[in-house]
């Protein structure tokens, strides 16, 4: 099944060997061939589902998914499970070449709801334990194994953006989905288990702790000032100028005033939108260039690939959409070419971060990189 998307993109859906769906994203004007490759691996049973357990000390849900224990861990290049399929190796992606693909995770932390599922009310240690409901997808940025997001062309990154927009829009319509979180981890230093360039999308059936906190703070700010907090933050950075590391007509990238990591960059649209589905075509078209520049500056600080976590924060599906805005938070644990920032006692124990480098200092280093 194929569907036309904005920007001359076509999405083709195919079935996988265990009933999952793989979605190919192609640019129509590139003359891409029809997607007809079939998953030739033996038929498998679908993935299981874990459970949600409540930590009553802080009223936070913890997903317990023990079936994920045997997933791929740093396989050699010739056995990469998200490279194109070859005559020798049948992978998650049946075609021999592709642009961008998105497929349901084989070992999901969260999965589709059983009949009659509801998230229980909080009741301390007596809270019931429901199934771990949600959706987990893998977003493969390119068929080139030895690459990275910043090394892709702007046209290729635009296909990734098209996939983020499409998946946010479609997943938002599913029952029991409260929040959608696209992200990318890069580098073994931050726990990457497959080095092929890719990201993931987690869709939760509950409000995650950080989003819940951001929503409460944004509501308090709106009540006190009548203004939207994200608008005020972006305005401050644009007015201060000193922490801006990249900018175009629609987006601004800056080191936040109170960054938690040695290198932290936030990327936000100048005109706030709640999520990817609400980006207009002009905003979407301007995102690849600033993404490429920001990641290139990050790698250029020490002249070596910088490990990072890239988190796209969005407003929940049906809550706080007038208060929260889409923005990217990129954080790196590297503090020198040969040293990492470990989240030790203060950070891990009580969540109180201590920064050894002023945000303005790291902003200057990022701006000084010659592209």
Protein backbone atom coordinates (compact mmCIF):
# COMPACT_ATOMS: atom_id res chain seq x y z
CA UNK A 1 0.00 0.00 0.00
CA UNK A 2 1.36 3.42 -0.98
CA UNK A 3 0.38 6.91 0.18
CA UNK A 4 1.48 10.34 -1.04
CA UNK A 5 2.78 12.74 1.62
CA UNK A 6 3.65 16.46 1.52
CA UNK A 7 6.87 17.47 -0.21
CA UNK A 8 6.70 14.90 -2.98
CA UNK A 9 7.25 11.95 -0.63
CA UNK A 10 5.59 8.57 -1.02
CA UNK A 11 5.22 6.03 1.77
CA UNK A 12 4.90 2.34 0.96
CA UNK A 13 3.77 -0.13 3.64
CA UNK A 14 4.74 -3.80 3.55
CA UNK A 15 4.21 -6.73 5.90
CA UNK A 16 7.12 -8.30 7.80
CA UNK A 17 7.58 -11.97 8.70
CA UNK A 18 5.91 -11.68 12.11
CA UNK A 19 3.04 -9.39 11.17
CA UNK A 20 4.84 -6.12 11.87
CA UNK A 21 4.75 -3.28 9.32
CA UNK A 22 7.70 -1.73 7.49
CA UNK A 23 7.23 1.68 5.85
CA UNK A 24 9.49 2.92 3.03
CA UNK A 25 9.79 6.68 2.51
CA UNK A 26 10.92 7.73 -0.97
CA UNK A 27 11.16 10.97 -2.91
CA UNK A 28 8.92 10.71 -5.94
CA UNK A 29 11.09 12.89 -8.20
CA UNK A 30 14.07 10.61 -7.66
CA UNK A 31 12.44 7.97 -9.85
CA UNK A 32 12.45 5.41 -7.05
CA UNK A 33 11.47 1.88 -7.98
CA UNK A 34 8.28 0.33 -6.63
CA UNK A 35 8.74 -1.31 -3.25
CA UNK A 36 7.86 -4.96 -3.77
CA UNK A 37 10.55 -6.86 -1.85
CA UNK A 38 9.06 -9.54 0.42
CA UNK A 39 10.40 -10.52 3.84
CA UNK A 40 11.74 -14.01 3.15
CA UNK A 41 12.68 -14.89 6.70
CA UNK A 42 10.81 -17.74 8.37
CA UNK A 43 7.47 -16.78 9.89
CA UNK A 44 7.87 -15.83 13.55
CA UNK A 45 5.47 -15.27 16.41
CA UNK A 46 4.84 -11.59 17.21
CA UNK A 47 6.68 -9.95 20.08
CA UNK A 48 5.34 -10.25 23.61
CA UNK A 49 4.27 -7.47 25.90
CA UNK A 50 5.74 -6.47 29.23
CA UNK A 51 4.10 -4.61 32.10
CA UNK A 52 3.99 -1.23 33.76
CA UNK A 53 4.93 -1.08 37.43
CA UNK A 54 4.38 2.00 39.55
CA UNK A 55 7.20 3.41 41.68
CA UNK A 56 4.99 4.73 44.49
CA UNK A 57 7.76 6.92 45.96
CA UNK A 58 7.46 9.32 43.04
CA UNK A 59 4.35 8.03 41.19
CA UNK A 60 6.32 7.15 38.06
CA UNK A 61 5.56 4.25 35.73
CA UNK A 62 8.44 1.85 34.99
CA UNK A 63 8.21 -0.36 31.89
CA UNK A 64 9.39 -3.92 32.62
CA UNK A 65 10.11 -5.70 29.32
CA UNK A 66 12.22 -8.77 30.05
CA UNK A 67 11.72 -10.12 26.51
CA UNK A 68 14.16 -7.44 25.30
CA UNK A 69 17.11 -9.08 27.07
CA UNK A 70 18.21 -11.01 23.96
CA UNK A 71 18.05 -8.22 21.36
CA UNK A 72 21.04 -7.46 19.09
CA UNK A 73 24.09 -6.01 20.79
CA UNK A 74 26.87 -4.44 18.69
CA UNK A 75 26.71 -6.96 15.83
CA UNK A 76 29.51 -6.89 13.22
CA UNK A 77 28.82 -4.81 10.12
CA UNK A 78 28.23 -7.88 7.95
CA UNK A 79 25.43 -8.99 10.31
CA UNK A 80 23.82 -5.59 10.87
CA UNK A 81 20.06 -6.23 11.24
CA UNK A 82 19.05 -2.86 9.73
CA UNK A 83 21.25 -2.85 6.65
CA UNK A 84 19.60 -3.78 3.33
CA UNK A 85 18.93 -7.46 2.72
CA UNK A 86 21.53 -9.27 0.60
CA UNK A 87 21.74 -12.75 -0.89
CA UNK A 88 23.72 -13.79 2.19
CA UNK A 89 21.90 -11.98 5.02
CA UNK A 90 18.15 -11.47 5.44
CA UNK A 91 17.65 -8.40 7.60
CA UNK A 92 14.75 -6.43 9.04
CA UNK A 93 14.63 -4.51 5.75
CA UNK A 94 13.77 -6.84 2.83
CA UNK A 95 14.82 -4.49 0.02
CA UNK A 96 18.38 -4.34 -1.34
CA UNK A 97 18.44 -0.52 -1.19
CA UNK A 98 16.32 2.13 0.47
CA UNK A 99 16.17 5.80 1.43
CA UNK A 100 14.42 5.99 4.82
CA UNK A 101 12.44 3.23 6.49
CA UNK A 102 10.38 2.96 9.66
CA UNK A 103 9.32 -0.37 11.12
CA UNK A 104 7.77 -1.64 14.31
CA UNK A 105 10.46 -2.65 16.80
CA UNK A 106 11.07 -6.39 16.97
CA UNK A 107 11.69 -6.19 20.73
CA UNK A 108 9.44 -3.34 21.86
CA UNK A 109 9.51 -1.85 25.32
CA UNK A 110 5.81 -1.09 24.85
CA UNK A 111 3.26 -2.86 22.64
CA UNK A 112 -0.38 -2.80 21.50
CA UNK A 113 -3.06 -2.97 24.17
CA UNK A 114 -4.94 -6.18 24.98
CA UNK A 115 -8.72 -5.97 24.90
CA UNK A 116 -10.23 -3.89 27.67
CA UNK A 117 -6.92 -2.31 28.74
CA UNK A 118 -7.01 0.83 30.88
CA UNK A 119 -4.28 2.65 32.77
CA UNK A 120 -5.15 2.22 36.45
CA UNK A 121 -5.58 5.04 38.90
CA UNK A 122 -2.63 5.70 41.19
CA UNK A 123 -3.05 4.07 44.58
CA UNK A 124 0.43 3.85 46.10
CA UNK A 125 1.79 0.30 46.58
CA UNK A 126 -1.71 -1.05 45.95
CA UNK A 127 -1.76 0.24 42.34
CA UNK A 128 -2.53 -2.59 39.93
CA UNK A 129 0.05 -3.63 37.32
CA UNK A 130 -1.22 -3.22 33.73
CA UNK A 131 0.33 -4.46 30.50
CA UNK A 132 3.07 -2.25 29.04
CA UNK A 133 0.98 -0.53 26.39
CA UNK A 134 2.36 1.85 23.77
CA UNK A 135 4.20 1.69 20.46
CA UNK A 136 7.90 1.46 19.57
CA UNK A 137 9.26 2.05 16.09
CA UNK A 138 12.74 2.13 14.52
CA UNK A 139 13.61 4.93 12.07
CA UNK A 140 16.53 4.01 9.78
CA UNK A 141 18.03 7.18 8.30
CA UNK A 142 19.92 5.65 5.37
CA UNK A 143 20.98 2.35 3.84
CA UNK A 144 24.65 3.34 4.28
CA UNK A 145 26.00 1.60 7.36
CA UNK A 146 29.16 3.70 7.79
CA UNK A 147 27.47 7.09 7.98
CA UNK A 148 25.65 9.37 10.39
CA UNK A 149 22.77 11.82 10.32
CA UNK A 150 25.05 14.85 9.86
CA UNK A 151 26.79 13.23 6.88
CA UNK A 152 23.55 12.83 4.93
CA UNK A 153 22.48 15.30 2.27
CA UNK A 154 19.82 17.84 3.17
CA UNK A 155 17.44 16.00 0.81
CA UNK A 156 18.01 12.78 2.73
CA UNK A 157 17.49 14.50 6.10
CA UNK A 158 14.29 15.97 4.66
CA UNK A 159 13.03 12.41 4.16
CA UNK A 160 13.78 11.68 7.82
CA UNK A 161 11.81 14.80 8.78
CA UNK A 162 8.95 13.63 6.55
CA UNK A 163 8.95 10.32 8.39
CA UNK A 164 8.87 12.05 11.80
CA UNK A 165 5.95 14.21 10.68
CA UNK A 166 4.04 11.27 9.23
CA UNK A 167 4.60 8.94 12.17
CA UNK A 168 3.62 11.60 14.73
CA UNK A 169 0.41 12.29 12.82
CA UNK A 170 -0.51 8.63 12.42
CA UNK A 171 0.47 7.38 15.87
CA UNK A 172 -1.48 10.25 17.47
CA UNK A 173 -4.66 8.67 16.13
CA UNK A 174 -4.10 5.33 17.87
CA UNK A 175 -6.04 4.49 21.05
CA UNK A 176 -4.30 4.76 24.43
CA UNK A 177 -1.42 6.92 23.12
CA UNK A 178 -0.70 9.93 25.35
CA UNK A 179 2.74 11.10 24.22
CA UNK A 180 5.07 10.54 21.22
CA UNK A 181 8.84 10.78 21.60
CA UNK A 182 11.23 10.56 18.60
CA UNK A 183 14.89 10.26 19.58
CA UNK A 184 18.36 9.22 18.42
CA UNK A 185 21.26 7.84 20.43
CA UNK A 186 24.67 8.00 18.78
CA UNK A 187 27.83 6.36 20.09
CA UNK A 188 28.57 3.42 22.36
CA UNK A 189 29.29 5.96 25.12
CA UNK A 190 25.54 6.58 25.42
CA UNK A 191 24.49 2.94 25.03
CA UNK A 192 24.02 2.46 21.29
CA UNK A 193 23.71 -1.26 20.49
CA UNK A 194 23.50 -1.02 16.67
CA UNK A 195 25.86 1.54 15.06
CA UNK A 196 23.94 1.86 11.77
CA UNK A 197 22.44 5.42 11.60
CA UNK A 198 18.97 5.20 13.08
CA UNK A 199 16.65 6.58 15.70
CA UNK A 200 13.51 5.40 17.44
CA UNK A 201 10.01 6.57 18.27
CA UNK A 202 8.43 5.66 21.60
CA UNK A 203 4.73 6.32 22.05
CA UNK A 204 3.61 6.08 25.66
CA UNK A 205 0.24 5.28 27.20
CA UNK A 206 1.07 7.58 30.11
CA UNK A 207 2.64 10.99 30.59
CA UNK A 208 6.39 10.65 31.10
CA UNK A 209 7.97 12.32 34.16
CA UNK A 210 9.90 15.06 32.32
CA UNK A 211 6.93 15.99 30.15
CA UNK A 212 4.66 16.04 33.17
CA UNK A 213 7.09 18.37 34.91
CA UNK A 214 7.46 20.64 31.86
CA UNK A 215 3.69 20.84 31.53
CA UNK A 216 3.22 21.83 35.18
CA UNK A 217 5.93 24.51 34.94
CA UNK A 218 4.52 25.86 31.67
CA UNK A 219 1.02 26.05 33.17
CA UNK A 220 2.32 27.92 36.22
CA UNK A 221 4.19 30.37 33.97
CA UNK A 222 1.08 30.97 31.85
CA UNK A 223 -1.03 31.56 34.96
CA UNK A 224 1.48 34.02 36.38
CA UNK A 225 2.46 35.94 33.23
CA UNK A 226 -0.18 35.20 30.62
CA UNK A 227 2.60 34.10 28.26
CA UNK A 228 3.83 30.75 26.93
CA UNK A 229 7.08 29.68 28.58
CA UNK A 230 8.65 28.21 25.42
CA UNK A 231 8.07 31.50 23.60
CA UNK A 232 9.79 33.41 26.39
CA UNK A 233 12.77 31.03 26.41
CA UNK A 234 13.32 31.31 22.65
CA UNK A 235 12.90 35.10 22.81
CA UNK A 236 15.54 35.37 25.55
CA UNK A 237 18.05 33.36 23.56
CA UNK A 238 17.44 35.40 20.41
CA UNK A 239 17.78 38.66 22.37
CA UNK A 240 20.90 37.55 24.30
CA UNK A 241 22.54 36.19 21.12
CA UNK A 242 25.61 34.90 23.01
CA UNK A 243 24.46 31.27 23.22
CA UNK A 244 23.09 30.95 19.65
CA UNK A 245 25.20 28.52 17.59
CA UNK A 246 23.08 28.32 14.40
CA UNK A 247 20.02 30.06 12.97
CA UNK A 248 17.90 30.32 9.85
CA UNK A 249 14.59 31.93 8.94
CA UNK A 250 12.51 29.35 10.81
CA UNK A 251 14.75 27.74 13.44
CA UNK A 252 17.23 28.73 16.13
CA UNK A 253 19.83 26.50 17.82
CA UNK A 254 21.33 27.54 21.14
CA UNK A 255 23.13 26.32 24.22
CA UNK A 256 20.53 26.69 27.00
CA UNK A 257 21.14 29.20 29.78
CA UNK A 258 21.27 26.39 32.37
CA UNK A 259 22.65 23.43 30.41
CA UNK A 260 23.20 20.15 32.22
CA UNK A 261 25.89 18.63 30.00
CA UNK A 262 29.30 19.78 28.71
CA UNK A 263 27.76 20.13 25.25
CA UNK A 264 24.04 20.68 25.04
CA UNK A 265 22.18 22.27 22.14
CA UNK A 266 18.48 23.00 21.83
CA UNK A 267 16.86 23.53 18.43
CA UNK A 268 13.44 25.18 18.33
CA UNK A 269 11.19 26.70 15.69
CA UNK A 270 10.90 30.47 15.95
CA UNK A 271 7.14 30.08 15.59
CA UNK A 272 6.05 27.51 18.16
CA UNK A 273 4.13 24.39 17.14
CA UNK A 274 3.03 21.62 19.50
CA UNK A 275 4.48 18.70 17.53
CA UNK A 276 5.84 17.43 14.21
CA UNK A 277 2.36 16.96 12.80
CA UNK A 278 1.74 20.71 13.13
CA UNK A 279 4.91 21.87 11.35
CA UNK A 280 4.11 23.76 8.16
CA UNK A 281 5.95 22.91 4.96
CA UNK A 282 8.27 25.93 5.22
CA UNK A 283 9.36 25.00 8.74
CA UNK A 284 9.90 21.39 7.71
CA UNK A 285 11.96 22.43 4.68
CA UNK A 286 14.23 24.61 6.85
CA UNK A 287 14.96 21.91 9.44
CA UNK A 288 17.49 19.75 7.51
CA UNK A 289 20.04 22.55 7.03
CA UNK A 290 20.17 23.58 10.68
CA UNK A 291 20.20 19.93 11.79
CA UNK A 292 23.21 19.25 9.58
CA UNK A 293 24.99 22.39 10.80
CA UNK A 294 24.40 21.74 14.50
CA UNK A 295 25.62 18.14 14.33
CA UNK A 296 28.61 19.17 12.24
CA UNK A 297 29.56 21.81 14.81
CA UNK A 298 29.23 19.23 17.57
CA UNK A 299 31.61 16.84 15.81
CA UNK A 300 33.94 19.71 14.98
CA UNK A 301 34.67 20.76 18.57
CA UNK A 302 37.33 18.06 19.02
CA UNK A 303 37.50 16.79 15.46
CA UNK A 304 36.11 13.39 16.46
CA UNK A 305 32.57 11.94 16.41
CA UNK A 306 30.71 13.27 19.44
CA UNK A 307 28.44 10.81 21.26
CA UNK A 308 25.04 12.34 21.84
CA UNK A 309 21.41 11.81 22.74
CA UNK A 310 18.96 13.75 20.55
CA UNK A 311 15.49 14.03 22.07
CA UNK A 312 12.53 15.57 20.26
CA UNK A 313 10.15 16.91 22.89
CA UNK A 314 6.56 17.36 21.75
CA UNK A 315 3.31 18.36 23.41
CA UNK A 316 1.17 15.37 24.48
CA UNK A 317 -1.45 14.16 22.02
CA UNK A 318 -4.44 15.74 23.77
CA UNK A 319 -3.04 17.82 26.62
CA UNK A 320 -1.14 21.10 26.96
CA UNK A 321 -0.88 21.72 23.24
CA UNK A 322 -1.23 25.46 23.82
CA UNK A 323 1.55 25.37 26.43
CA UNK A 324 4.33 23.09 25.17
CA UNK A 325 6.23 23.28 21.90
CA UNK A 326 8.23 20.99 19.65
CA UNK A 327 11.97 21.31 20.25
CA UNK A 328 15.09 19.19 20.04
CA UNK A 329 17.48 18.71 22.95
CA UNK A 330 20.90 17.34 22.01
CA UNK A 331 23.16 16.38 24.91
CA UNK A 332 26.68 14.96 24.88
CA UNK A 333 28.56 13.39 27.76
CA UNK A 334 31.98 14.15 26.23
CA UNK A 335 33.79 16.92 28.14
CA UNK A 336 37.29 16.59 26.64
CA UNK A 337 38.64 14.48 23.75
CA UNK A 338 39.38 11.63 26.18
CA UNK A 339 37.04 12.25 29.11
CA UNK A 340 33.31 11.75 29.65
CA UNK A 341 30.95 13.37 32.12
CA UNK A 342 29.58 10.58 34.29
CA UNK A 343 26.27 11.08 36.03
CA UNK A 344 27.55 10.40 39.51
CA UNK A 345 26.10 10.86 43.00
CA UNK A 346 24.42 14.25 42.73
CA UNK A 347 23.05 13.72 39.21
CA UNK A 348 22.02 10.07 39.52
CA UNK A 349 21.08 10.09 43.18
CA UNK A 350 18.88 13.16 43.44
CA UNK A 351 18.80 14.57 39.89
CA UNK A 352 20.79 17.69 40.83
CA UNK A 353 23.17 18.46 37.95
CA UNK A 354 26.53 20.18 38.39
CA UNK A 355 28.20 21.75 35.33
CA UNK A 356 31.96 22.34 35.17
CA UNK A 357 31.73 24.45 32.01
CA UNK A 358 29.74 27.65 31.54
CA UNK A 359 27.14 27.37 28.76
CA UNK A 360 28.57 30.49 27.12
CA UNK A 361 31.96 28.77 26.93
CA UNK A 362 30.65 25.72 25.09
CA UNK A 363 28.60 27.99 22.81
CA UNK A 364 31.77 29.84 21.80
CA UNK A 365 33.53 26.55 21.06
CA UNK A 366 30.62 25.41 18.89
CA UNK A 367 30.45 28.72 17.01
CA UNK A 368 34.21 28.66 16.41
CA UNK A 369 34.06 25.37 14.48
CA UNK A 370 34.98 25.92 10.82
CA UNK A 371 32.46 24.17 8.59
